[in-house]
């Protein structure tokens, strides 16, 4: 059985106390989130566990839960290093 694709997006501003969960989707919606990110030059990182956790436990507009901070920080550091200025990322399965 093929796993259904999940994509979650986060954003971060230094003015915020934590990164913000922006959107999540499964299946064709996940594919669309990824396509929009790629078209916009936003880094897409595969992290199935984080994408699934955010999809399950967070609502758009929520700050990332503290128990996801370590995984989120590692990915944001990678995204910012790769893109130099971006503070937005998309996580997918």
N, C-alpha and C. Protein backbone atom coordinates (compact mmCIF):
# COMPACT_ATOMS: atom_id res chain seq x y z
N UNK A 1 0.84 -1.18 0.00
CA UNK A 1 0.00 0.00 0.00
C UNK A 1 0.88 1.25 0.00
N UNK A 2 0.64 2.13 -0.93
CA UNK A 2 1.42 3.36 -1.05
C UNK A 2 0.97 4.38 -0.01
N UNK A 3 1.97 4.99 0.66
CA UNK A 3 1.65 6.04 1.63
C UNK A 3 1.19 7.28 0.91
N UNK A 4 0.23 7.96 1.49
CA UNK A 4 -0.28 9.20 0.93
C UNK A 4 0.67 10.34 1.27
N UNK A 5 1.01 11.15 0.30
CA UNK A 5 1.94 12.27 0.50
C UNK A 5 1.32 13.31 1.43
N UNK A 6 2.16 13.83 2.33
CA UNK A 6 1.78 14.91 3.24
C UNK A 6 2.79 16.03 3.05
N UNK A 7 2.32 17.26 3.05
CA UNK A 7 3.22 18.42 3.01
C UNK A 7 2.74 19.43 4.04
N UNK A 8 3.69 19.99 4.78
CA UNK A 8 3.41 21.03 5.76
C UNK A 8 4.37 22.18 5.52
N UNK A 9 3.90 23.39 5.70
CA UNK A 9 4.75 24.57 5.52
C UNK A 9 4.82 25.36 6.80
N UNK A 10 6.01 25.91 7.07
CA UNK A 10 6.19 26.78 8.23
C UNK A 10 6.86 28.07 7.77
N UNK A 11 6.73 29.08 8.60
CA UNK A 11 7.40 30.35 8.38
C UNK A 11 7.99 30.82 9.68
N UNK A 12 8.98 31.67 9.58
CA UNK A 12 9.61 32.20 10.79
C UNK A 12 10.01 33.64 10.59
N UNK A 13 9.71 34.43 11.58
CA UNK A 13 10.16 35.82 11.64
C UNK A 13 10.84 36.03 12.99
N UNK A 14 11.98 36.72 13.02
CA UNK A 14 12.65 36.96 14.29
C UNK A 14 11.77 37.68 15.32
N UNK A 15 10.70 38.31 14.86
CA UNK A 15 9.79 38.99 15.78
C UNK A 15 8.86 38.01 16.51
N UNK A 16 8.76 36.77 15.99
CA UNK A 16 7.89 35.76 16.60
C UNK A 16 8.66 34.94 17.64
N UNK A 17 7.97 34.45 18.68
CA UNK A 17 8.65 33.64 19.68
C UNK A 17 9.01 32.24 19.17
N UNK A 18 8.39 31.82 18.08
CA UNK A 18 8.64 30.48 17.53
C UNK A 18 8.19 30.48 16.06
N UNK A 19 8.65 29.51 15.28
CA UNK A 19 8.14 29.39 13.91
C UNK A 19 6.63 29.16 13.92
N UNK A 20 5.98 29.53 12.83
CA UNK A 20 4.53 29.43 12.70
C UNK A 20 4.18 28.36 11.67
N UNK A 21 3.20 27.55 12.02
CA UNK A 21 2.68 26.54 11.10
C UNK A 21 1.76 27.27 10.13
N UNK A 22 2.04 27.14 8.82
CA UNK A 22 1.29 27.89 7.82
C UNK A 22 0.17 27.09 7.18
N UNK A 23 0.48 25.87 6.72
CA UNK A 23 -0.51 25.08 5.98
C UNK A 23 -0.05 23.63 5.93
N UNK A 24 -1.00 22.75 5.73
CA UNK A 24 -0.70 21.34 5.57
C UNK A 24 -1.72 20.74 4.62
N UNK A 25 -1.33 19.68 3.98
CA UNK A 25 -2.26 19.00 3.10
C UNK A 25 -1.80 17.59 2.79
N UNK A 26 -2.73 16.78 2.35
CA UNK A 26 -2.44 15.39 1.98
C UNK A 26 -2.82 15.18 0.52
N UNK A 27 -2.20 14.18 -0.09
CA UNK A 27 -2.55 13.81 -1.46
C UNK A 27 -2.33 14.94 -2.45
N UNK A 28 -3.35 15.25 -3.24
CA UNK A 28 -3.21 16.27 -4.28
C UNK A 28 -2.97 17.66 -3.69
N UNK A 29 -3.51 17.92 -2.50
CA UNK A 29 -3.25 19.21 -1.86
C UNK A 29 -1.77 19.31 -1.46
N UNK A 30 -1.20 18.22 -0.99
CA UNK A 30 0.23 18.20 -0.66
C UNK A 30 1.06 18.46 -1.92
N UNK A 31 0.69 17.82 -3.01
CA UNK A 31 1.40 18.02 -4.27
C UNK A 31 1.34 19.49 -4.69
N UNK A 32 0.19 20.11 -4.49
CA UNK A 32 0.02 21.53 -4.86
C UNK A 32 0.87 22.43 -3.96
N UNK A 33 0.91 22.14 -2.66
CA UNK A 33 1.75 22.92 -1.73
C UNK A 33 3.21 22.84 -2.17
N UNK A 34 3.66 21.64 -2.50
CA UNK A 34 5.04 21.45 -2.93
C UNK A 34 5.30 22.19 -4.24
N UNK A 35 4.37 22.09 -5.19
CA UNK A 35 4.53 22.77 -6.48
C UNK A 35 4.62 24.28 -6.30
N UNK A 36 3.75 24.84 -5.47
CA UNK A 36 3.77 26.29 -5.23
C UNK A 36 5.10 26.69 -4.58
N UNK A 37 5.57 25.89 -3.63
CA UNK A 37 6.85 26.19 -2.99
C UNK A 37 7.97 26.18 -4.01
N UNK A 38 8.02 25.16 -4.84
CA UNK A 38 9.08 25.07 -5.84
C UNK A 38 9.00 26.22 -6.85
N UNK A 39 7.79 26.55 -7.28
CA UNK A 39 7.61 27.67 -8.22
C UNK A 39 8.05 28.99 -7.60
N UNK A 40 7.93 29.10 -6.28
CA UNK A 40 8.28 30.33 -5.57
C UNK A 40 9.72 30.34 -5.10
N UNK A 41 10.46 29.28 -5.35
CA UNK A 41 11.85 29.21 -4.92
C UNK A 41 12.01 28.90 -3.45
N UNK A 42 11.00 28.31 -2.83
CA UNK A 42 11.05 27.95 -1.42
C UNK A 42 11.60 26.53 -1.31
N UNK A 43 12.55 26.36 -0.40
CA UNK A 43 13.18 25.06 -0.20
C UNK A 43 12.16 24.03 0.28
N UNK A 44 12.21 22.84 -0.31
CA UNK A 44 11.37 21.72 0.11
C UNK A 44 12.28 20.67 0.71
N UNK A 45 12.03 20.29 1.95
CA UNK A 45 12.84 19.33 2.69
C UNK A 45 11.97 18.13 3.03
N UNK A 46 12.49 16.93 2.80
CA UNK A 46 11.72 15.74 3.16
C UNK A 46 11.96 15.42 4.63
N UNK A 47 10.91 15.51 5.41
CA UNK A 47 10.92 15.12 6.82
C UNK A 47 9.52 14.60 7.12
N UNK A 48 9.33 13.32 6.84
CA UNK A 48 8.01 12.71 6.96
C UNK A 48 7.45 12.82 8.37
N UNK A 49 8.30 12.63 9.38
CA UNK A 49 7.83 12.66 10.76
C UNK A 49 7.31 14.05 11.14
N UNK A 50 8.07 15.08 10.81
CA UNK A 50 7.64 16.44 11.16
C UNK A 50 6.39 16.84 10.38
N UNK A 51 6.35 16.51 9.09
CA UNK A 51 5.16 16.83 8.29
C UNK A 51 3.92 16.16 8.88
N UNK A 52 4.05 14.89 9.27
CA UNK A 52 2.90 14.17 9.84
C UNK A 52 2.50 14.74 11.20
N UNK A 53 3.48 15.08 12.04
CA UNK A 53 3.16 15.65 13.35
C UNK A 53 2.43 16.98 13.23
N UNK A 54 2.93 17.83 12.34
CA UNK A 54 2.28 19.13 12.17
C UNK A 54 0.88 18.97 11.59
N UNK A 55 0.73 18.07 10.64
CA UNK A 55 -0.58 17.82 10.05
C UNK A 55 -1.57 17.34 11.10
N UNK A 56 -1.09 16.53 12.02
CA UNK A 56 -1.96 15.92 13.03
C UNK A 56 -2.27 16.86 14.20
N UNK A 57 -1.27 17.62 14.66
CA UNK A 57 -1.41 18.33 15.93
C UNK A 57 -1.45 19.86 15.86
N UNK A 58 -1.19 20.43 14.71
CA UNK A 58 -1.16 21.90 14.63
C UNK A 58 -2.24 22.40 13.69
N UNK A 59 -2.65 23.63 13.92
CA UNK A 59 -3.61 24.32 13.05
C UNK A 59 -2.90 25.50 12.41
N UNK A 60 -3.25 25.83 11.16
CA UNK A 60 -2.62 26.98 10.53
C UNK A 60 -2.71 28.23 11.43
N UNK A 61 -1.58 28.90 11.55
CA UNK A 61 -1.50 30.08 12.40
C UNK A 61 -0.93 29.79 13.78
N UNK A 62 -0.90 28.51 14.18
CA UNK A 62 -0.31 28.13 15.47
C UNK A 62 1.20 28.25 15.42
N UNK A 63 1.79 28.55 16.58
CA UNK A 63 3.24 28.42 16.70
C UNK A 63 3.57 26.93 16.72
N UNK A 64 4.75 26.59 16.22
CA UNK A 64 5.18 25.20 16.23
C UNK A 64 5.25 24.75 17.69
N UNK A 65 4.70 23.56 18.01
CA UNK A 65 4.74 23.08 19.40
C UNK A 65 6.18 22.90 19.88
N UNK A 66 6.46 23.17 21.15
CA UNK A 66 7.82 23.06 21.68
C UNK A 66 8.47 21.71 21.42
N UNK A 67 7.70 20.64 21.43
CA UNK A 67 8.29 19.32 21.22
C UNK A 67 8.69 19.09 19.77
N UNK A 68 8.42 20.04 18.88
CA UNK A 68 8.87 19.97 17.48
C UNK A 68 9.98 20.98 17.19
N UNK A 69 10.38 21.76 18.18
CA UNK A 69 11.35 22.82 17.95
C UNK A 69 12.69 22.31 17.44
N UNK A 70 13.20 21.23 18.02
CA UNK A 70 14.53 20.75 17.62
C UNK A 70 14.54 20.35 16.14
N UNK A 71 13.56 19.57 15.71
CA UNK A 71 13.48 19.16 14.31
C UNK A 71 13.26 20.38 13.41
N UNK A 72 12.40 21.29 13.85
CA UNK A 72 12.13 22.50 13.07
C UNK A 72 13.38 23.37 12.95
N UNK A 73 14.11 23.53 14.04
CA UNK A 73 15.32 24.36 14.03
C UNK A 73 16.36 23.79 13.07
N UNK A 74 16.54 22.48 13.06
CA UNK A 74 17.51 21.87 12.15
C UNK A 74 17.13 22.12 10.70
N UNK A 75 15.86 21.99 10.41
CA UNK A 75 15.42 22.19 9.03
C UNK A 75 15.49 23.65 8.65
N UNK A 76 15.06 24.55 9.52
CA UNK A 76 15.15 25.98 9.21
C UNK A 76 16.60 26.42 9.03
N UNK A 77 17.51 25.88 9.83
CA UNK A 77 18.93 26.22 9.68
C UNK A 77 19.42 25.78 8.31
N UNK A 78 19.02 24.58 7.88
CA UNK A 78 19.39 24.09 6.55
C UNK A 78 18.80 24.99 5.46
N UNK A 79 17.53 25.32 5.60
CA UNK A 79 16.86 26.15 4.59
C UNK A 79 17.52 27.52 4.51
N UNK A 80 17.78 28.15 5.66
CA UNK A 80 18.39 29.48 5.65
C UNK A 80 19.81 29.44 5.08
N UNK A 81 20.55 28.38 5.38
CA UNK A 81 21.91 28.25 4.84
C UNK A 81 21.86 28.06 3.33
N UNK A 82 20.92 27.26 2.88
CA UNK A 82 20.79 26.97 1.46
C UNK A 82 20.33 28.19 0.68
N UNK A 83 19.36 28.90 1.23
CA UNK A 83 18.77 30.02 0.50
C UNK A 83 19.29 31.37 0.95
N UNK A 84 20.11 31.40 1.98
CA UNK A 84 20.72 32.62 2.53
C UNK A 84 19.74 33.53 3.26
N UNK A 85 18.52 33.71 2.76
CA UNK A 85 17.61 34.66 3.41
C UNK A 85 16.24 34.09 3.72
N UNK A 86 15.88 32.97 3.14
CA UNK A 86 14.53 32.45 3.32
C UNK A 86 14.29 31.97 4.74
N UNK A 87 13.12 32.23 5.24
CA UNK A 87 12.73 31.75 6.55
C UNK A 87 11.41 30.99 6.45
N UNK A 88 11.21 30.37 5.29
CA UNK A 88 10.02 29.57 5.05
C UNK A 88 10.45 28.25 4.48
N UNK A 89 9.79 27.18 4.89
CA UNK A 89 10.11 25.88 4.35
C UNK A 89 8.88 25.01 4.24
N UNK A 90 8.97 24.03 3.38
CA UNK A 90 7.92 23.05 3.20
C UNK A 90 8.50 21.69 3.51
N UNK A 91 7.79 20.91 4.31
CA UNK A 91 8.22 19.58 4.69
C UNK A 91 7.28 18.58 4.08
N UNK A 92 7.81 17.51 3.55
CA UNK A 92 6.95 16.53 2.90
C UNK A 92 7.41 15.12 3.20
N UNK A 93 6.56 14.17 2.85
CA UNK A 93 6.91 12.77 2.97
C UNK A 93 7.48 12.30 1.66
